[in-house]
N, C-alpha and C. Protein backbone atom coordinates (compact mmCIF):
# COMPACT_ATOMS: atom_id res chain seq x y z
N MET A 1 -14.99 -9.74 -7.84
CA MET A 1 -14.58 -8.44 -8.30
C MET A 1 -14.19 -7.59 -7.09
N ALA A 2 -13.05 -6.90 -7.18
CA ALA A 2 -12.58 -6.09 -6.07
C ALA A 2 -13.44 -4.84 -5.93
N ARG A 3 -13.74 -4.51 -4.70
CA ARG A 3 -14.48 -3.28 -4.43
C ARG A 3 -13.47 -2.15 -4.34
N HIS A 4 -13.88 -0.99 -4.76
CA HIS A 4 -12.99 0.15 -4.71
C HIS A 4 -13.80 1.40 -4.43
N PRO A 5 -13.15 2.42 -3.86
CA PRO A 5 -13.85 3.68 -3.69
C PRO A 5 -14.24 4.21 -5.06
N PRO A 6 -15.27 5.00 -5.11
CA PRO A 6 -15.71 5.52 -6.40
C PRO A 6 -14.66 6.43 -7.00
N THR A 7 -14.65 6.47 -8.31
CA THR A 7 -13.77 7.40 -9.00
C THR A 7 -14.43 8.77 -8.94
N GLU A 8 -13.72 9.79 -9.40
CA GLU A 8 -14.30 11.14 -9.42
C GLU A 8 -15.60 11.13 -10.20
N ALA A 9 -15.60 10.41 -11.34
CA ALA A 9 -16.78 10.39 -12.20
C ALA A 9 -17.95 9.68 -11.52
N GLU A 10 -17.65 8.58 -10.80
CA GLU A 10 -18.71 7.84 -10.14
C GLU A 10 -19.21 8.60 -8.92
N GLY A 11 -18.25 9.05 -8.11
CA GLY A 11 -18.55 9.83 -6.92
C GLY A 11 -19.65 9.26 -6.05
N LEU A 12 -19.62 9.63 -4.80
CA LEU A 12 -20.72 9.27 -3.92
C LEU A 12 -21.85 10.26 -4.09
N GLY A 13 -21.58 11.39 -4.72
CA GLY A 13 -22.62 12.39 -4.93
C GLY A 13 -23.74 11.84 -5.79
N GLY A 14 -23.48 10.75 -6.50
CA GLY A 14 -24.50 10.11 -7.31
C GLY A 14 -25.48 9.33 -6.46
N GLY A 15 -25.33 9.38 -5.15
CA GLY A 15 -26.28 8.73 -4.28
C GLY A 15 -26.01 7.26 -4.04
N LYS A 16 -24.83 6.76 -4.40
CA LYS A 16 -24.50 5.35 -4.21
C LYS A 16 -23.32 5.22 -3.26
N ALA A 17 -23.40 4.27 -2.34
CA ALA A 17 -22.28 3.96 -1.45
C ALA A 17 -21.34 3.01 -2.17
N PHE A 18 -20.24 2.63 -1.52
CA PHE A 18 -19.24 1.76 -2.13
C PHE A 18 -19.85 0.47 -2.66
N ASP A 19 -20.84 -0.06 -1.96
CA ASP A 19 -21.42 -1.34 -2.36
C ASP A 19 -22.58 -1.19 -3.32
N GLY A 20 -22.85 0.03 -3.79
CA GLY A 20 -23.93 0.25 -4.75
C GLY A 20 -25.27 0.57 -4.12
N THR A 21 -25.36 0.50 -2.80
CA THR A 21 -26.61 0.83 -2.13
C THR A 21 -26.73 2.33 -2.03
N PRO A 22 -27.93 2.85 -1.80
CA PRO A 22 -28.07 4.31 -1.68
C PRO A 22 -27.18 4.85 -0.56
N ALA A 23 -26.50 5.93 -0.87
CA ALA A 23 -25.60 6.54 0.11
C ALA A 23 -26.40 7.27 1.17
N PRO A 24 -25.91 7.28 2.41
CA PRO A 24 -26.62 7.98 3.47
C PRO A 24 -26.49 9.49 3.37
N TYR A 25 -25.65 9.97 2.46
CA TYR A 25 -25.48 11.40 2.27
C TYR A 25 -25.06 11.62 0.84
N SER A 26 -25.09 12.84 0.43
CA SER A 26 -24.74 13.15 -0.94
C SER A 26 -23.80 14.34 -0.98
N VAL A 27 -22.71 14.22 -1.72
CA VAL A 27 -21.76 15.31 -1.86
C VAL A 27 -22.41 16.40 -2.69
N GLY A 28 -22.14 17.64 -2.34
CA GLY A 28 -22.68 18.75 -3.10
C GLY A 28 -24.01 19.24 -2.55
N VAL A 29 -24.59 18.52 -1.63
CA VAL A 29 -25.83 18.94 -1.00
C VAL A 29 -25.45 19.73 0.23
N GLU A 30 -26.14 20.85 0.45
CA GLU A 30 -25.85 21.65 1.64
C GLU A 30 -25.94 20.77 2.87
N GLY A 31 -24.94 20.87 3.73
CA GLY A 31 -24.91 20.05 4.94
C GLY A 31 -25.93 20.52 5.96
N ASN A 32 -26.35 19.63 6.79
CA ASN A 32 -27.16 19.98 7.94
C ASN A 32 -26.70 19.13 9.10
N ASP A 33 -27.26 19.35 10.26
CA ASP A 33 -26.76 18.65 11.43
C ASP A 33 -27.04 17.15 11.41
N GLN A 34 -27.77 16.67 10.42
CA GLN A 34 -28.02 15.23 10.31
C GLN A 34 -27.04 14.54 9.37
N ASP A 35 -26.30 15.32 8.59
CA ASP A 35 -25.30 14.72 7.70
C ASP A 35 -24.12 14.21 8.53
N PRO A 36 -23.64 13.00 8.25
CA PRO A 36 -22.53 12.45 9.05
C PRO A 36 -21.19 13.11 8.77
N VAL A 37 -21.03 13.75 7.60
CA VAL A 37 -19.77 14.41 7.25
C VAL A 37 -20.09 15.73 6.58
N SER A 38 -19.08 16.58 6.49
CA SER A 38 -19.27 17.86 5.82
C SER A 38 -19.42 17.65 4.32
N ALA A 39 -19.99 18.62 3.65
CA ALA A 39 -20.25 18.51 2.22
C ALA A 39 -18.97 18.36 1.41
N ASP A 40 -17.84 18.83 1.95
CA ASP A 40 -16.58 18.75 1.20
C ASP A 40 -15.72 17.55 1.60
N ALA A 41 -16.26 16.62 2.36
CA ALA A 41 -15.47 15.50 2.89
C ALA A 41 -14.74 14.72 1.79
N LEU A 42 -15.39 14.52 0.67
CA LEU A 42 -14.76 13.71 -0.39
C LEU A 42 -13.93 14.55 -1.35
N ASP A 43 -13.81 15.84 -1.06
CA ASP A 43 -12.93 16.71 -1.84
C ASP A 43 -11.61 16.96 -1.12
N ARG A 44 -11.43 16.35 0.03
CA ARG A 44 -10.24 16.57 0.83
C ARG A 44 -9.00 15.94 0.18
N VAL A 45 -7.86 16.54 0.45
CA VAL A 45 -6.58 16.03 -0.04
C VAL A 45 -6.35 14.61 0.45
N THR A 46 -6.69 14.35 1.71
CA THR A 46 -6.46 13.02 2.26
C THR A 46 -7.29 11.96 1.55
N TRP A 47 -8.48 12.33 1.12
CA TRP A 47 -9.32 11.37 0.39
C TRP A 47 -8.74 11.13 -1.01
N ALA A 48 -8.27 12.18 -1.65
CA ALA A 48 -7.64 12.04 -2.97
C ALA A 48 -6.39 11.17 -2.87
N LEU A 49 -5.63 11.38 -1.79
CA LEU A 49 -4.43 10.57 -1.56
C LEU A 49 -4.80 9.10 -1.39
N ARG A 50 -5.85 8.83 -0.65
CA ARG A 50 -6.29 7.45 -0.43
C ARG A 50 -6.77 6.82 -1.74
N ARG A 51 -7.54 7.56 -2.53
CA ARG A 51 -8.01 7.02 -3.81
C ARG A 51 -6.82 6.69 -4.72
N ALA A 52 -5.83 7.57 -4.74
CA ALA A 52 -4.64 7.32 -5.56
C ALA A 52 -3.90 6.08 -5.06
N GLU A 53 -3.75 5.97 -3.75
CA GLU A 53 -3.07 4.80 -3.19
C GLU A 53 -3.79 3.51 -3.55
N LEU A 54 -5.11 3.51 -3.42
CA LEU A 54 -5.88 2.30 -3.75
C LEU A 54 -5.77 1.96 -5.24
N ALA A 55 -5.78 2.97 -6.08
CA ALA A 55 -5.67 2.72 -7.52
C ALA A 55 -4.31 2.13 -7.87
N VAL A 56 -3.24 2.67 -7.28
CA VAL A 56 -1.90 2.16 -7.54
C VAL A 56 -1.77 0.73 -6.99
N GLN A 57 -2.29 0.49 -5.79
CA GLN A 57 -2.23 -0.85 -5.21
C GLN A 57 -2.98 -1.85 -6.09
N ALA A 58 -4.14 -1.47 -6.58
CA ALA A 58 -4.93 -2.36 -7.44
C ALA A 58 -4.17 -2.67 -8.72
N LEU A 59 -3.53 -1.66 -9.30
CA LEU A 59 -2.75 -1.89 -10.53
C LEU A 59 -1.57 -2.81 -10.25
N LYS A 60 -0.88 -2.59 -9.13
CA LYS A 60 0.24 -3.48 -8.79
C LYS A 60 -0.25 -4.91 -8.56
N GLU A 61 -1.37 -5.07 -7.86
CA GLU A 61 -1.94 -6.42 -7.65
C GLU A 61 -2.21 -7.09 -8.99
N GLN A 62 -2.82 -6.36 -9.90
CA GLN A 62 -3.15 -6.90 -11.22
C GLN A 62 -1.88 -7.32 -11.97
N ARG A 63 -0.87 -6.47 -11.95
CA ARG A 63 0.35 -6.73 -12.70
C ARG A 63 1.23 -7.80 -12.05
N LEU A 64 1.15 -7.94 -10.73
CA LEU A 64 1.95 -8.95 -10.04
C LEU A 64 1.28 -10.32 -10.03
N ARG A 65 -0.02 -10.36 -10.31
CA ARG A 65 -0.77 -11.63 -10.27
C ARG A 65 -0.13 -12.73 -11.12
N PRO A 66 0.33 -12.44 -12.36
CA PRO A 66 0.95 -13.51 -13.15
C PRO A 66 2.20 -14.12 -12.49
N LEU A 67 2.83 -13.38 -11.59
CA LEU A 67 3.99 -13.92 -10.88
C LEU A 67 3.57 -14.71 -9.64
N GLY A 68 2.27 -14.70 -9.35
CA GLY A 68 1.78 -15.38 -8.16
C GLY A 68 2.22 -14.68 -6.88
N LEU A 69 2.38 -13.37 -6.95
CA LEU A 69 2.92 -12.61 -5.83
C LEU A 69 1.99 -11.45 -5.49
N PRO A 70 1.23 -11.56 -4.41
CA PRO A 70 0.42 -10.43 -3.97
C PRO A 70 1.31 -9.25 -3.55
N VAL A 71 0.76 -8.05 -3.58
CA VAL A 71 1.50 -6.85 -3.20
C VAL A 71 2.06 -6.98 -1.78
N ALA A 72 1.30 -7.59 -0.88
CA ALA A 72 1.78 -7.76 0.50
C ALA A 72 3.07 -8.56 0.55
N HIS A 73 3.20 -9.58 -0.31
CA HIS A 73 4.42 -10.38 -0.37
C HIS A 73 5.58 -9.52 -0.90
N TYR A 74 5.29 -8.77 -1.96
CA TYR A 74 6.30 -7.87 -2.52
C TYR A 74 6.78 -6.89 -1.45
N THR A 75 5.84 -6.31 -0.72
CA THR A 75 6.18 -5.32 0.30
C THR A 75 7.08 -5.91 1.37
N LEU A 76 6.77 -7.12 1.81
CA LEU A 76 7.60 -7.76 2.83
C LEU A 76 8.97 -8.09 2.26
N LEU A 77 9.00 -8.65 1.05
CA LEU A 77 10.28 -9.02 0.44
C LEU A 77 11.18 -7.80 0.24
N ILE A 78 10.62 -6.71 -0.27
CA ILE A 78 11.47 -5.53 -0.52
C ILE A 78 11.89 -4.89 0.79
N SER A 79 11.06 -4.99 1.81
CA SER A 79 11.43 -4.45 3.12
C SER A 79 12.59 -5.24 3.72
N VAL A 80 12.55 -6.55 3.61
CA VAL A 80 13.64 -7.40 4.12
C VAL A 80 14.89 -7.19 3.27
N HIS A 81 14.72 -7.02 1.97
CA HIS A 81 15.86 -6.75 1.09
C HIS A 81 16.55 -5.45 1.50
N SER A 82 15.76 -4.42 1.79
CA SER A 82 16.35 -3.11 2.11
C SER A 82 17.00 -3.09 3.49
N ASP A 83 16.58 -3.99 4.36
CA ASP A 83 17.15 -4.03 5.71
C ASP A 83 17.20 -5.47 6.20
N PRO A 84 18.14 -6.27 5.68
CA PRO A 84 18.23 -7.68 6.08
C PRO A 84 18.42 -7.83 7.58
N GLY A 85 17.78 -8.84 8.14
CA GLY A 85 17.94 -9.12 9.56
C GLY A 85 16.87 -8.48 10.43
N LEU A 86 15.90 -7.82 9.80
CA LEU A 86 14.79 -7.27 10.58
C LEU A 86 14.08 -8.40 11.31
N THR A 87 13.56 -8.09 12.48
CA THR A 87 12.71 -9.05 13.16
C THR A 87 11.28 -8.82 12.71
N GLY A 88 10.43 -9.78 12.97
CA GLY A 88 9.02 -9.62 12.62
C GLY A 88 8.40 -8.41 13.30
N ALA A 89 8.74 -8.18 14.56
CA ALA A 89 8.19 -7.04 15.30
C ALA A 89 8.64 -5.72 14.69
N GLU A 90 9.93 -5.63 14.32
CA GLU A 90 10.44 -4.40 13.69
C GLU A 90 9.73 -4.15 12.36
N LEU A 91 9.58 -5.21 11.59
CA LEU A 91 8.92 -5.10 10.29
C LEU A 91 7.46 -4.69 10.46
N ALA A 92 6.79 -5.25 11.44
CA ALA A 92 5.39 -4.90 11.69
C ALA A 92 5.26 -3.41 12.00
N ARG A 93 6.16 -2.88 12.82
CA ARG A 93 6.12 -1.44 13.14
C ARG A 93 6.34 -0.60 11.89
N ARG A 94 7.29 -0.98 11.06
CA ARG A 94 7.59 -0.22 9.84
C ARG A 94 6.44 -0.25 8.85
N LEU A 95 5.77 -1.39 8.76
CA LEU A 95 4.68 -1.54 7.79
C LEU A 95 3.31 -1.18 8.37
N ASN A 96 3.29 -0.86 9.65
CA ASN A 96 2.05 -0.49 10.33
C ASN A 96 1.01 -1.61 10.26
N VAL A 97 1.48 -2.81 10.54
CA VAL A 97 0.60 -3.99 10.61
C VAL A 97 0.91 -4.71 11.92
N THR A 98 0.13 -5.71 12.24
CA THR A 98 0.36 -6.45 13.47
C THR A 98 1.52 -7.43 13.31
N PRO A 99 2.19 -7.74 14.40
CA PRO A 99 3.24 -8.76 14.33
C PRO A 99 2.68 -10.10 13.84
N GLN A 100 1.43 -10.40 14.19
CA GLN A 100 0.81 -11.65 13.74
C GLN A 100 0.68 -11.68 12.22
N ALA A 101 0.35 -10.53 11.63
CA ALA A 101 0.23 -10.46 10.16
C ALA A 101 1.58 -10.72 9.51
N VAL A 102 2.62 -10.13 10.07
CA VAL A 102 3.97 -10.35 9.53
C VAL A 102 4.37 -11.81 9.70
N ALA A 103 4.09 -12.38 10.86
CA ALA A 103 4.45 -13.78 11.11
C ALA A 103 3.75 -14.70 10.12
N SER A 104 2.47 -14.46 9.88
CA SER A 104 1.71 -15.27 8.93
C SER A 104 2.27 -15.15 7.52
N LEU A 105 2.56 -13.94 7.12
CA LEU A 105 3.12 -13.71 5.79
C LEU A 105 4.52 -14.31 5.68
N ALA A 106 5.31 -14.15 6.72
CA ALA A 106 6.66 -14.73 6.71
C ALA A 106 6.58 -16.25 6.63
N ASP A 107 5.60 -16.86 7.31
CA ASP A 107 5.41 -18.31 7.21
C ASP A 107 5.16 -18.73 5.76
N ARG A 108 4.28 -17.98 5.08
CA ARG A 108 3.97 -18.30 3.68
C ARG A 108 5.20 -18.17 2.79
N LEU A 109 5.93 -17.08 2.97
CA LEU A 109 7.12 -16.87 2.14
C LEU A 109 8.22 -17.87 2.47
N GLU A 110 8.31 -18.25 3.72
CA GLU A 110 9.29 -19.27 4.10
C GLU A 110 8.91 -20.62 3.49
N SER A 111 7.62 -20.95 3.48
CA SER A 111 7.19 -22.23 2.89
C SER A 111 7.42 -22.26 1.38
N ARG A 112 7.47 -21.09 0.76
CA ARG A 112 7.77 -21.00 -0.67
C ARG A 112 9.27 -20.96 -0.94
N GLY A 113 10.06 -20.94 0.12
CA GLY A 113 11.52 -20.91 -0.04
C GLY A 113 12.06 -19.54 -0.38
N GLN A 114 11.28 -18.48 -0.14
CA GLN A 114 11.69 -17.13 -0.52
C GLN A 114 12.25 -16.33 0.65
N LEU A 115 12.02 -16.82 1.85
CA LEU A 115 12.43 -16.12 3.05
C LEU A 115 12.93 -17.15 4.05
N GLU A 116 13.91 -16.75 4.85
CA GLU A 116 14.35 -17.64 5.91
C GLU A 116 14.48 -16.86 7.20
N ARG A 117 14.26 -17.58 8.29
CA ARG A 117 14.44 -17.01 9.62
C ARG A 117 15.76 -17.54 10.17
N ARG A 118 16.51 -16.62 10.76
CA ARG A 118 17.77 -17.00 11.40
C ARG A 118 17.75 -16.48 12.83
N SER A 119 18.35 -17.24 13.71
CA SER A 119 18.43 -16.81 15.10
C SER A 119 19.30 -15.56 15.21
N HIS A 120 18.86 -14.64 16.03
CA HIS A 120 19.62 -13.42 16.31
C HIS A 120 20.91 -13.83 17.00
N PRO A 121 22.04 -13.21 16.67
CA PRO A 121 23.32 -13.62 17.25
C PRO A 121 23.38 -13.50 18.78
N ARG A 122 22.67 -12.53 19.36
CA ARG A 122 22.75 -12.34 20.81
C ARG A 122 21.48 -12.75 21.55
N HIS A 123 20.36 -12.82 20.86
CA HIS A 123 19.08 -13.14 21.50
C HIS A 123 18.50 -14.37 20.81
N ARG A 124 18.72 -15.52 21.36
CA ARG A 124 18.39 -16.77 20.67
C ARG A 124 16.90 -16.95 20.40
N HIS A 125 16.03 -16.26 21.12
CA HIS A 125 14.59 -16.40 20.89
C HIS A 125 14.08 -15.43 19.81
N VAL A 126 14.93 -14.52 19.38
CA VAL A 126 14.56 -13.55 18.35
C VAL A 126 14.97 -14.09 16.99
N GLN A 127 14.05 -14.03 16.04
CA GLN A 127 14.32 -14.52 14.69
C GLN A 127 14.47 -13.33 13.72
N GLU A 128 15.55 -13.34 12.97
CA GLU A 128 15.78 -12.32 11.95
C GLU A 128 15.29 -12.87 10.61
N LEU A 129 14.80 -11.97 9.76
CA LEU A 129 14.29 -12.35 8.45
C LEU A 129 15.33 -12.02 7.37
N HIS A 130 15.54 -12.98 6.48
CA HIS A 130 16.49 -12.82 5.38
C HIS A 130 15.90 -13.42 4.11
N LEU A 131 16.22 -12.81 2.97
CA LEU A 131 15.81 -13.37 1.69
C LEU A 131 16.68 -14.57 1.35
N THR A 132 16.08 -15.51 0.66
CA THR A 132 16.84 -16.62 0.09
C THR A 132 17.16 -16.25 -1.35
N ASP A 133 17.91 -17.10 -2.03
CA ASP A 133 18.16 -16.87 -3.46
C ASP A 133 16.85 -16.82 -4.23
N ALA A 134 15.92 -17.73 -3.90
CA ALA A 134 14.61 -17.74 -4.57
C ALA A 134 13.85 -16.45 -4.27
N GLY A 135 13.96 -15.95 -3.05
CA GLY A 135 13.30 -14.70 -2.68
C GLY A 135 13.88 -13.52 -3.44
N ARG A 136 15.20 -13.50 -3.60
CA ARG A 136 15.83 -12.42 -4.38
C ARG A 136 15.40 -12.49 -5.84
N GLU A 137 15.27 -13.68 -6.37
CA GLU A 137 14.87 -13.83 -7.78
C GLU A 137 13.43 -13.37 -7.99
N VAL A 138 12.50 -13.78 -7.14
CA VAL A 138 11.12 -13.36 -7.31
C VAL A 138 11.00 -11.86 -7.06
N LEU A 139 11.77 -11.33 -6.13
CA LEU A 139 11.75 -9.88 -5.89
C LEU A 139 12.28 -9.13 -7.10
N ARG A 140 13.32 -9.66 -7.74
CA ARG A 140 13.88 -9.03 -8.94
C ARG A 140 12.81 -8.94 -10.03
N ARG A 141 12.09 -10.04 -10.26
CA ARG A 141 11.03 -10.05 -11.29
C ARG A 141 9.87 -9.13 -10.89
N ALA A 142 9.49 -9.18 -9.62
CA ALA A 142 8.37 -8.36 -9.15
C ALA A 142 8.72 -6.88 -9.21
N ASP A 143 9.95 -6.55 -8.85
CA ASP A 143 10.33 -5.15 -8.86
C ASP A 143 10.35 -4.58 -10.27
N ALA A 144 10.67 -5.40 -11.25
CA ALA A 144 10.60 -4.94 -12.64
C ALA A 144 9.16 -4.60 -13.01
N VAL A 145 8.21 -5.37 -12.52
CA VAL A 145 6.79 -5.11 -12.76
C VAL A 145 6.37 -3.81 -12.07
N VAL A 146 6.78 -3.64 -10.82
CA VAL A 146 6.44 -2.43 -10.06
C VAL A 146 7.09 -1.21 -10.71
N ALA A 147 8.29 -1.37 -11.24
CA ALA A 147 8.95 -0.26 -11.94
C ALA A 147 8.16 0.15 -13.19
N GLU A 148 7.54 -0.82 -13.87
CA GLU A 148 6.68 -0.49 -15.01
C GLU A 148 5.49 0.37 -14.57
N VAL A 149 4.90 0.03 -13.44
CA VAL A 149 3.79 0.83 -12.90
C VAL A 149 4.28 2.24 -12.59
N GLU A 150 5.42 2.33 -11.95
CA GLU A 150 6.02 3.62 -11.63
C GLU A 150 6.28 4.43 -12.90
N ASN A 151 6.84 3.79 -13.91
CA ASN A 151 7.14 4.48 -15.16
C ASN A 151 5.87 4.98 -15.85
N LYS A 152 4.79 4.23 -15.75
CA LYS A 152 3.51 4.66 -16.31
C LYS A 152 3.04 5.94 -15.63
N ILE A 153 3.16 5.99 -14.32
CA ILE A 153 2.76 7.18 -13.57
C ILE A 153 3.64 8.36 -13.95
N ILE A 154 4.95 8.14 -14.02
CA ILE A 154 5.88 9.20 -14.39
C ILE A 154 5.58 9.70 -15.80
N GLU A 155 5.31 8.78 -16.71
CA GLU A 155 4.98 9.15 -18.08
C GLU A 155 3.73 10.02 -18.13
N ASP A 156 2.71 9.65 -17.36
CA ASP A 156 1.47 10.41 -17.35
C ASP A 156 1.62 11.77 -16.68
N LEU A 157 2.40 11.84 -15.60
CA LEU A 157 2.58 13.09 -14.89
C LEU A 157 3.62 14.00 -15.54
N GLY A 158 4.62 13.40 -16.15
CA GLY A 158 5.77 14.16 -16.65
C GLY A 158 6.81 14.24 -15.55
N ARG A 159 8.06 14.39 -15.94
CA ARG A 159 9.16 14.37 -14.96
C ARG A 159 9.08 15.55 -13.98
N ALA A 160 8.77 16.74 -14.46
CA ALA A 160 8.73 17.91 -13.57
C ALA A 160 7.60 17.76 -12.55
N ASN A 161 6.41 17.34 -13.00
CA ASN A 161 5.30 17.15 -12.07
C ASN A 161 5.58 16.01 -11.09
N THR A 162 6.27 14.98 -11.57
CA THR A 162 6.63 13.86 -10.69
C THR A 162 7.53 14.35 -9.57
N ALA A 163 8.52 15.15 -9.91
CA ALA A 163 9.44 15.68 -8.89
C ALA A 163 8.69 16.57 -7.90
N ARG A 164 7.81 17.43 -8.40
CA ARG A 164 7.00 18.28 -7.52
C ARG A 164 6.09 17.43 -6.64
N PHE A 165 5.49 16.41 -7.23
CA PHE A 165 4.58 15.54 -6.50
C PHE A 165 5.32 14.82 -5.36
N ARG A 166 6.50 14.33 -5.67
CA ARG A 166 7.30 13.65 -4.66
C ARG A 166 7.61 14.60 -3.50
N THR A 167 7.97 15.84 -3.82
CA THR A 167 8.24 16.85 -2.80
C THR A 167 6.99 17.13 -1.96
N LEU A 168 5.85 17.26 -2.63
CA LEU A 168 4.60 17.50 -1.91
C LEU A 168 4.24 16.33 -1.01
N LEU A 169 4.45 15.12 -1.48
CA LEU A 169 4.17 13.94 -0.65
C LEU A 169 5.05 13.93 0.60
N GLU A 170 6.30 14.33 0.47
CA GLU A 170 7.19 14.43 1.64
C GLU A 170 6.64 15.46 2.62
N LYS A 171 6.13 16.58 2.10
CA LYS A 171 5.54 17.59 2.98
C LYS A 171 4.29 17.06 3.67
N VAL A 172 3.50 16.27 2.97
CA VAL A 172 2.32 15.64 3.58
C VAL A 172 2.77 14.73 4.71
N ALA A 173 3.79 13.92 4.45
CA ALA A 173 4.28 13.00 5.48
C ALA A 173 4.81 13.78 6.69
N ASP A 174 5.56 14.84 6.44
CA ASP A 174 6.07 15.66 7.53
C ASP A 174 4.94 16.28 8.34
N ALA A 175 3.93 16.82 7.66
CA ALA A 175 2.79 17.42 8.34
C ALA A 175 2.04 16.39 9.19
N ALA A 176 1.90 15.20 8.67
CA ALA A 176 1.20 14.14 9.41
C ALA A 176 2.01 13.71 10.64
N ARG A 177 3.34 13.65 10.49
CA ARG A 177 4.18 13.27 11.63
C ARG A 177 4.14 14.34 12.73
N GLU A 178 4.03 15.61 12.32
CA GLU A 178 3.97 16.71 13.29
C GLU A 178 2.64 16.74 14.02
N GLY A 179 1.63 16.09 13.40
CA GLY A 179 0.32 15.97 14.03
C GLY A 179 -0.37 17.26 14.12
């Protein structure tokens, strides 16, 4: 069973940590100098953003499982689709993962016939990543599944709130980039 951060209802304020053991602190209790975080730590926007991200990722994993495609595979495939010829190092920087992680994932997708490496036209030691026909087909099916997840979120939020939310997320990204 996948572990996940507590929902609002479960909360850590109930005295349980992620693994079900007693939490070292409790939300809603007045802080003191022995508490590791402030009393409002789990009410922060960044924590809500992380919980939302984990929930969406878990739903995508669940929905993509019948296709035999983990979210990480989908992410790599759609990244290569959007910018064919990326190198593993470029992709690693964009996805904020290690080059080794990309290389390992690319190896798996290549062994499945969904991705191919081609020599860079000017730098023979550099390998560019490209989708194969099989990779485009699995991406097409996977993207339809991900679009269903997106549509569920849009349906629940409503179109106006979705547009506002997207704008707010861009502002969050801009604020984070400005540091």
